[in-house]
Amino acid sequence: MEFKLVEVFGTGPLTGGPLGVVLCDTACDDALMQRLAARLAMPETVFLRSGDGGEVDVRIFTPYVELDFAGHPLVGAAAVAVQEGLATPGWVEMRTRSGIVRARVGPRADSAALEERLCQVGPAVAPDVVCGAVGLASDAAVGLVRLVSAGLGFVCLPVSVADLRSAQALPLEVAALSEQVPGLADAFGVAVFVPQLPEVRSRVFVPEPVCAEDPATGSAALAVAGWLAYQERSAESLAFDIVQGTAELGFARMRVKVRSQADQGLLATVGGGVRTLFHGRLMLGETVADKA
């Protein structure tokens, strides 16, 4: 099978979110996909093949679980689908476990942006346990802590610049939030951010030890956009950049837009660049002994 490692939302080589992309001629076995995602140990690996109705079938796996929706994997998948001739520039339809997701891919297939998604903003939750789950003092929050989801739920924790730098990747503590804090049953991770426009700085922590700090998280960017728009209720729309990561991980830059519609609620989109780091083949059915 053909394989690509792409970087989504990067600001240069070896930045942004790494994404493994496997091109499948036919449907792959579920257990094989999960094992391969674990072996590749990327934050996510996607498996692409042409769908029966002209869409692109996309399966999304972390090293531990399959996801219904994720931001940077779908942005990357849409761009690679165009690069590999599975789709044409413009709107690309992707069939996921959560249904059809569309992304607009640029003419050179080096950027993409998701179609607007509904942001669901939950009630405020007690901040102390959430702060502790990322290694911060119980009073580190500088605003209300809420669960926000545009397909994958993230606890949005606004903090100061100093606390953003001090936050720690504690995957077991992040995993425990869904049981310890009422209202966070659907939380996948914690988005720690400095709520200052027009450029929001963030870091994202998830419950998976292999990738406990995610370097580029489109679904978390959508959640932060929903949080900010909910706070800025006087504004009909917001457009800004989210810069996520650290010097060690590299930085990602995501362009986010969010608007309020009286009949639909908060609608947000995220997009950015996609570049290929390397391209090769996965040899899953052949061994050295076979060749001998």
Protein backbone atom coordinates (compact mmCIF):
# COMPACT_ATOMS: atom_id res chain seq x y z
CA MET A 1 0.00 0.00 0.00
CA GLU A 2 1.14 3.52 -0.75
CA PHE A 3 1.94 5.59 2.33
CA LYS A 4 2.55 9.27 3.00
CA LEU A 5 3.64 11.16 6.06
CA VAL A 6 2.25 14.67 5.81
CA GLU A 7 2.46 17.66 8.11
CA VAL A 8 -0.78 19.55 8.61
CA PHE A 9 -0.93 23.19 9.75
CA GLY A 10 2.87 23.39 9.80
CA THR A 11 4.86 26.61 9.80
CA GLY A 12 7.93 24.95 8.22
CA PRO A 13 9.54 21.51 7.90
CA LEU A 14 9.05 19.28 10.96
CA THR A 15 6.30 21.45 12.37
CA GLY A 16 2.53 21.12 12.54
CA GLY A 17 0.73 17.85 13.11
CA PRO A 18 2.24 14.67 11.64
CA LEU A 19 -0.31 12.48 9.91
CA GLY A 20 0.16 9.03 8.47
CA VAL A 21 -1.92 8.50 5.31
CA VAL A 22 -2.38 4.97 3.95
CA LEU A 23 -3.92 4.58 0.47
CA CYS A 24 -6.06 1.43 0.27
CA ASP A 25 -7.36 -0.01 -3.01
CA THR A 26 -9.95 -2.00 -1.06
CA ALA A 27 -11.37 -1.89 2.45
CA CYS A 28 -8.76 -2.71 5.10
CA ASP A 29 -9.29 -5.00 8.05
CA ASP A 30 -10.18 -3.04 11.22
CA ALA A 31 -7.67 -4.87 13.41
CA LEU A 32 -4.92 -4.32 10.84
CA MET A 33 -5.62 -0.58 10.70
CA GLN A 34 -5.47 -0.27 14.47
CA ARG A 35 -2.24 -2.27 14.70
CA LEU A 36 -0.64 -0.22 11.94
CA ALA A 37 -1.66 3.05 13.60
CA ALA A 38 -0.09 1.80 16.83
CA ARG A 39 3.11 0.84 15.00
CA LEU A 40 3.37 4.19 13.21
CA ALA A 41 2.70 6.01 16.52
CA MET A 42 1.47 9.23 14.92
CA PRO A 43 -1.17 11.30 16.73
CA GLU A 44 -3.48 9.96 13.98
CA THR A 45 -3.23 7.75 10.93
CA VAL A 46 -5.91 7.83 8.22
CA PHE A 47 -6.82 5.17 5.67
CA LEU A 48 -8.20 6.41 2.34
CA ARG A 49 -9.94 4.71 -0.55
CA SER A 50 -12.41 5.70 -3.25
CA GLY A 51 -16.02 5.42 -2.13
CA ASP A 52 -18.84 3.90 -4.11
CA GLY A 53 -20.63 7.23 -4.61
CA GLY A 54 -17.70 9.41 -5.68
CA GLU A 55 -16.74 10.37 -2.15
CA VAL A 56 -13.53 9.37 -0.34
CA ASP A 57 -13.83 6.82 2.46
CA VAL A 58 -11.75 7.91 5.46
CA ARG A 59 -11.03 5.94 8.63
CA ILE A 60 -9.20 7.74 11.45
CA PHE A 61 -7.10 5.95 14.08
CA THR A 62 -4.97 7.11 16.99
CA PRO A 63 -2.42 4.59 18.29
CA TYR A 64 -5.17 3.40 20.68
CA VAL A 65 -8.67 3.97 19.27
CA GLU A 66 -10.65 4.78 16.14
CA LEU A 67 -12.19 8.27 16.01
CA ASP A 68 -15.46 9.35 14.41
CA PHE A 69 -14.11 12.83 13.67
CA ALA A 70 -10.82 14.71 13.95
CA GLY A 71 -9.69 18.01 12.50
CA HIS A 72 -6.12 17.80 11.27
CA PRO A 73 -6.56 14.23 9.91
CA LEU A 74 -9.52 15.27 7.76
CA VAL A 75 -7.78 18.43 6.51
CA GLY A 76 -4.75 16.32 5.60
CA ALA A 77 -6.86 13.50 4.12
CA ALA A 78 -8.71 15.91 1.81
CA ALA A 79 -5.46 17.40 0.47
CA VAL A 80 -3.85 13.97 -0.07
CA ALA A 81 -7.01 12.69 -1.78
CA VAL A 82 -6.59 15.44 -4.38
CA GLN A 83 -2.83 14.87 -4.68
CA GLU A 84 -3.42 11.16 -5.36
CA GLY A 85 -6.29 11.63 -7.83
CA LEU A 86 -9.07 10.34 -5.57
CA ALA A 87 -10.75 13.76 -5.77
CA THR A 88 -10.41 17.08 -7.59
CA PRO A 89 -9.60 20.52 -6.14
CA GLY A 90 -12.55 22.30 -4.58
CA TRP A 91 -15.01 20.61 -2.26
CA VAL A 92 -13.97 17.07 -1.32
CA GLU A 93 -16.57 14.81 0.28
CA MET A 94 -15.25 12.36 2.85
CA ARG A 95 -17.30 9.56 4.34
CA THR A 96 -16.38 9.07 8.00
CA ARG A 97 -17.94 7.15 10.87
CA SER A 98 -19.76 10.38 11.79
CA GLY A 99 -21.16 10.85 8.27
CA ILE A 100 -20.12 13.00 5.31
CA VAL A 101 -17.56 15.72 6.08
CA ARG A 102 -16.55 18.20 3.38
CA ALA A 103 -13.33 20.15 3.02
CA ARG A 104 -12.31 22.71 0.43
CA VAL A 105 -8.89 21.94 -1.07
CA GLY A 106 -6.81 24.60 -2.79
CA PRO A 107 -5.79 24.33 -6.48
CA ARG A 108 -2.27 23.13 -5.61
CA ALA A 109 -3.58 20.66 -3.01
CA ASP A 110 -1.22 22.16 -0.42
CA SER A 111 -3.94 23.57 1.83
CA ALA A 112 -7.46 22.71 2.90
CA ALA A 113 -10.21 23.94 5.22
CA LEU A 114 -13.13 22.06 6.73
CA GLU A 115 -16.69 23.03 5.99
CA GLU A 116 -18.37 24.93 8.82
CA ARG A 117 -19.30 22.76 11.77
CA LEU A 118 -21.72 23.35 14.62
CA CYS A 119 -20.01 24.08 17.95
CA GLN A 120 -21.82 22.81 21.01
CA VAL A 121 -20.85 24.76 24.13
CA GLY A 122 -21.43 23.12 27.49
CA PRO A 123 -22.02 24.74 30.89
CA ALA A 124 -19.13 25.92 33.03
CA VAL A 125 -17.42 23.22 35.12
CA ALA A 126 -15.28 23.42 38.26
CA PRO A 127 -11.76 24.41 37.15
CA ASP A 128 -9.60 22.91 39.90
CA VAL A 129 -9.46 19.28 38.74
CA VAL A 130 -9.07 20.36 35.10
CA CYS A 131 -6.14 22.60 36.03
CA GLY A 132 -4.54 19.77 38.00
CA ALA A 133 -4.90 17.42 35.02
CA VAL A 134 -2.41 19.57 33.08
CA GLY A 135 -0.09 20.29 36.01
CA LEU A 136 -1.35 23.76 36.90
CA ALA A 137 -2.47 25.32 40.18
CA SER A 138 -6.16 24.95 40.96
CA ASP A 139 -6.76 28.69 40.40
CA ALA A 140 -4.89 28.97 37.06
CA ALA A 141 -8.04 29.48 34.94
CA VAL A 142 -8.58 33.10 33.84
CA GLY A 143 -12.11 32.45 32.55
CA LEU A 144 -14.86 29.88 32.66
CA VAL A 145 -13.88 26.30 31.87
CA ARG A 146 -16.26 24.62 29.42
CA LEU A 147 -16.53 21.50 27.30
CA VAL A 148 -16.92 22.48 23.63
CA SER A 149 -17.36 20.08 20.72
CA ALA A 150 -17.57 20.42 16.96
CA GLY A 151 -17.36 16.65 16.55
CA LEU A 152 -14.78 15.81 19.23
CA GLY A 153 -15.07 17.26 22.73
CA PHE A 154 -12.31 19.33 24.34
CA VAL A 155 -12.25 20.99 27.73
CA CYS A 156 -11.36 24.63 27.03
CA LEU A 157 -9.11 26.01 29.78
CA PRO A 158 -8.16 29.71 29.42
CA VAL A 159 -4.91 30.60 31.20
CA SER A 160 -2.14 33.21 31.36
CA VAL A 161 0.93 33.14 29.10
CA ALA A 162 3.09 31.92 31.99
CA ASP A 163 0.73 29.06 32.80
CA LEU A 164 0.52 28.07 29.14
CA ARG A 165 4.29 27.53 29.22
CA SER A 166 4.10 25.66 32.54
CA ALA A 167 1.36 23.19 31.55
CA GLN A 168 2.38 19.52 31.51
CA ALA A 169 1.37 16.42 29.57
CA LEU A 170 -0.28 14.10 32.14
CA PRO A 171 -2.27 11.60 30.04
CA LEU A 172 -3.63 9.55 32.94
CA GLU A 173 -4.98 12.66 34.66
CA VAL A 174 -6.54 13.86 31.41
CA ALA A 175 -8.13 10.44 30.90
CA ALA A 176 -9.65 10.57 34.39
CA LEU A 177 -11.47 13.87 33.79
CA SER A 178 -14.42 12.21 32.06
CA GLU A 179 -15.19 10.30 35.25
CA GLN A 180 -14.08 12.79 37.89
CA VAL A 181 -15.80 15.97 36.68
CA PRO A 182 -19.56 16.12 36.10
CA GLY A 183 -20.30 17.33 32.58
CA LEU A 184 -17.06 16.06 31.04
CA ALA A 185 -18.13 12.54 30.08
CA ASP A 186 -17.56 13.33 26.39
CA ALA A 187 -14.19 15.05 26.83
CA PHE A 188 -11.36 13.70 24.70
CA GLY A 189 -8.69 16.17 25.77
CA VAL A 190 -7.86 19.58 27.24
CA ALA A 191 -7.19 22.68 25.15
CA VAL A 192 -5.12 25.12 27.21
CA PHE A 193 -5.01 28.56 25.62
CA VAL A 194 -4.42 32.26 26.13
CA PRO A 195 -7.70 34.03 25.19
CA GLN A 196 -6.14 37.00 23.40
CA LEU A 197 -7.11 37.91 19.85
CA PRO A 198 -6.12 38.16 17.01
CA GLU A 199 -3.56 35.38 17.61
CA VAL A 200 -4.45 32.76 20.19
CA ARG A 201 -1.64 30.64 21.66
CA SER A 202 -2.56 27.11 22.69
CA ARG A 203 -1.38 23.65 23.73
CA VAL A 204 -3.51 20.51 23.63
CA PHE A 205 -3.26 17.48 25.90
CA VAL A 206 -4.89 14.09 25.27
CA PRO A 207 -5.15 10.83 27.26
CA GLU A 208 -2.79 8.83 25.05
CA PRO A 209 0.73 8.22 26.42
CA VAL A 210 2.41 7.92 23.00
CA CYS A 211 1.22 11.41 21.94
CA ALA A 212 0.21 12.99 25.26
CA GLU A 213 0.69 16.50 23.87
CA ASP A 214 -0.76 16.89 20.40
CA PRO A 215 1.21 19.38 18.27
CA ALA A 216 -1.69 20.39 15.97
CA THR A 217 -5.34 19.74 16.75
CA GLY A 218 -8.01 21.04 14.38
CA SER A 219 -10.91 19.74 16.47
CA ALA A 220 -9.51 21.54 19.52
CA ALA A 221 -9.10 24.71 17.45
CA LEU A 222 -12.80 24.50 16.57
CA ALA A 223 -13.60 24.08 20.27
CA VAL A 224 -11.53 27.13 21.24
CA ALA A 225 -13.24 29.11 18.47
CA GLY A 226 -16.62 28.13 19.91
CA TRP A 227 -15.50 29.11 23.41
CA LEU A 228 -14.30 32.53 22.26
CA ALA A 229 -17.42 33.23 20.20
CA TYR A 230 -19.61 32.22 23.14
CA GLN A 231 -17.74 34.69 25.34
CA GLU A 232 -17.82 37.46 22.70
CA ARG A 233 -21.56 37.31 22.22
CA SER A 234 -21.66 40.84 20.83
CA ALA A 235 -19.60 39.80 17.79
CA GLU A 236 -21.40 38.21 14.84
CA SER A 237 -18.20 36.65 13.51
CA LEU A 238 -14.55 36.20 14.41
CA ALA A 239 -11.54 35.31 12.27
CA PHE A 240 -8.16 34.66 13.86
CA ASP A 241 -5.13 32.37 13.97
CA ILE A 242 -4.42 29.74 16.58
CA VAL A 243 -0.74 28.98 17.08
CA GLN A 244 -0.34 25.65 18.87
CA GLY A 245 2.69 23.79 20.13
CA THR A 246 6.06 24.31 21.78
CA ALA A 247 9.62 24.93 20.62
CA GLU A 248 10.38 21.23 21.14
CA LEU A 249 7.32 19.95 19.21
CA GLY A 250 7.29 22.71 16.63
CA PHE A 251 4.46 25.14 16.06
CA ALA A 252 1.29 24.78 14.05
CA ARG A 253 -0.74 27.65 12.63
CA MET A 254 -4.48 27.20 12.07
CA ARG A 255 -6.79 29.74 10.48
CA VAL A 256 -10.11 29.74 12.29
CA LYS A 257 -13.41 31.44 11.51
CA VAL A 258 -16.53 31.30 13.64
CA ARG A 259 -19.90 33.01 13.29
CA SER A 260 -23.17 33.08 15.12
CA GLN A 261 -26.42 32.21 13.36
CA ALA A 262 -29.62 32.76 15.28
CA ASP A 263 -31.25 29.65 13.82
CA GLN A 264 -28.14 27.40 13.78
CA GLY A 265 -25.95 28.44 16.70
CA LEU A 266 -22.17 28.80 16.43
CA LEU A 267 -20.58 27.62 13.18
CA ALA A 268 -16.80 27.29 12.91
CA THR A 269 -14.22 26.24 10.34
CA VAL A 270 -10.49 25.55 10.52
CA GLY A 271 -7.90 25.29 7.77
CA GLY A 272 -4.23 25.53 6.93
CA GLY A 273 -1.33 24.14 5.00
CA VAL A 274 -0.54 20.50 4.16
CA ARG A 275 2.92 19.38 3.04
CA THR A 276 4.37 15.94 2.34
CA LEU A 277 7.39 14.94 4.42
CA PHE A 278 7.92 11.58 2.75
CA HIS A 279 6.20 9.12 0.43
CA GLY A 280 6.77 5.37 0.24
CA ARG A 281 5.22 1.91 0.34
CA LEU A 282 4.07 -0.29 3.19
CA MET A 283 5.18 -3.88 2.69
CA LEU A 284 2.72 -5.76 4.89
CA GLY A 285 2.56 -9.09 3.06
CA GLU A 286 6.20 -9.75 2.34
CA THR A 287 9.19 -10.73 4.48
CA VAL A 288 12.92 -11.16 3.87
CA ALA A 289 12.40 -14.94 3.98
CA ASP A 290 9.76 -14.66 1.23
CA LYS A 291 12.26 -12.87 -1.02
CA ALA A 292 14.95 -15.45 -0.33
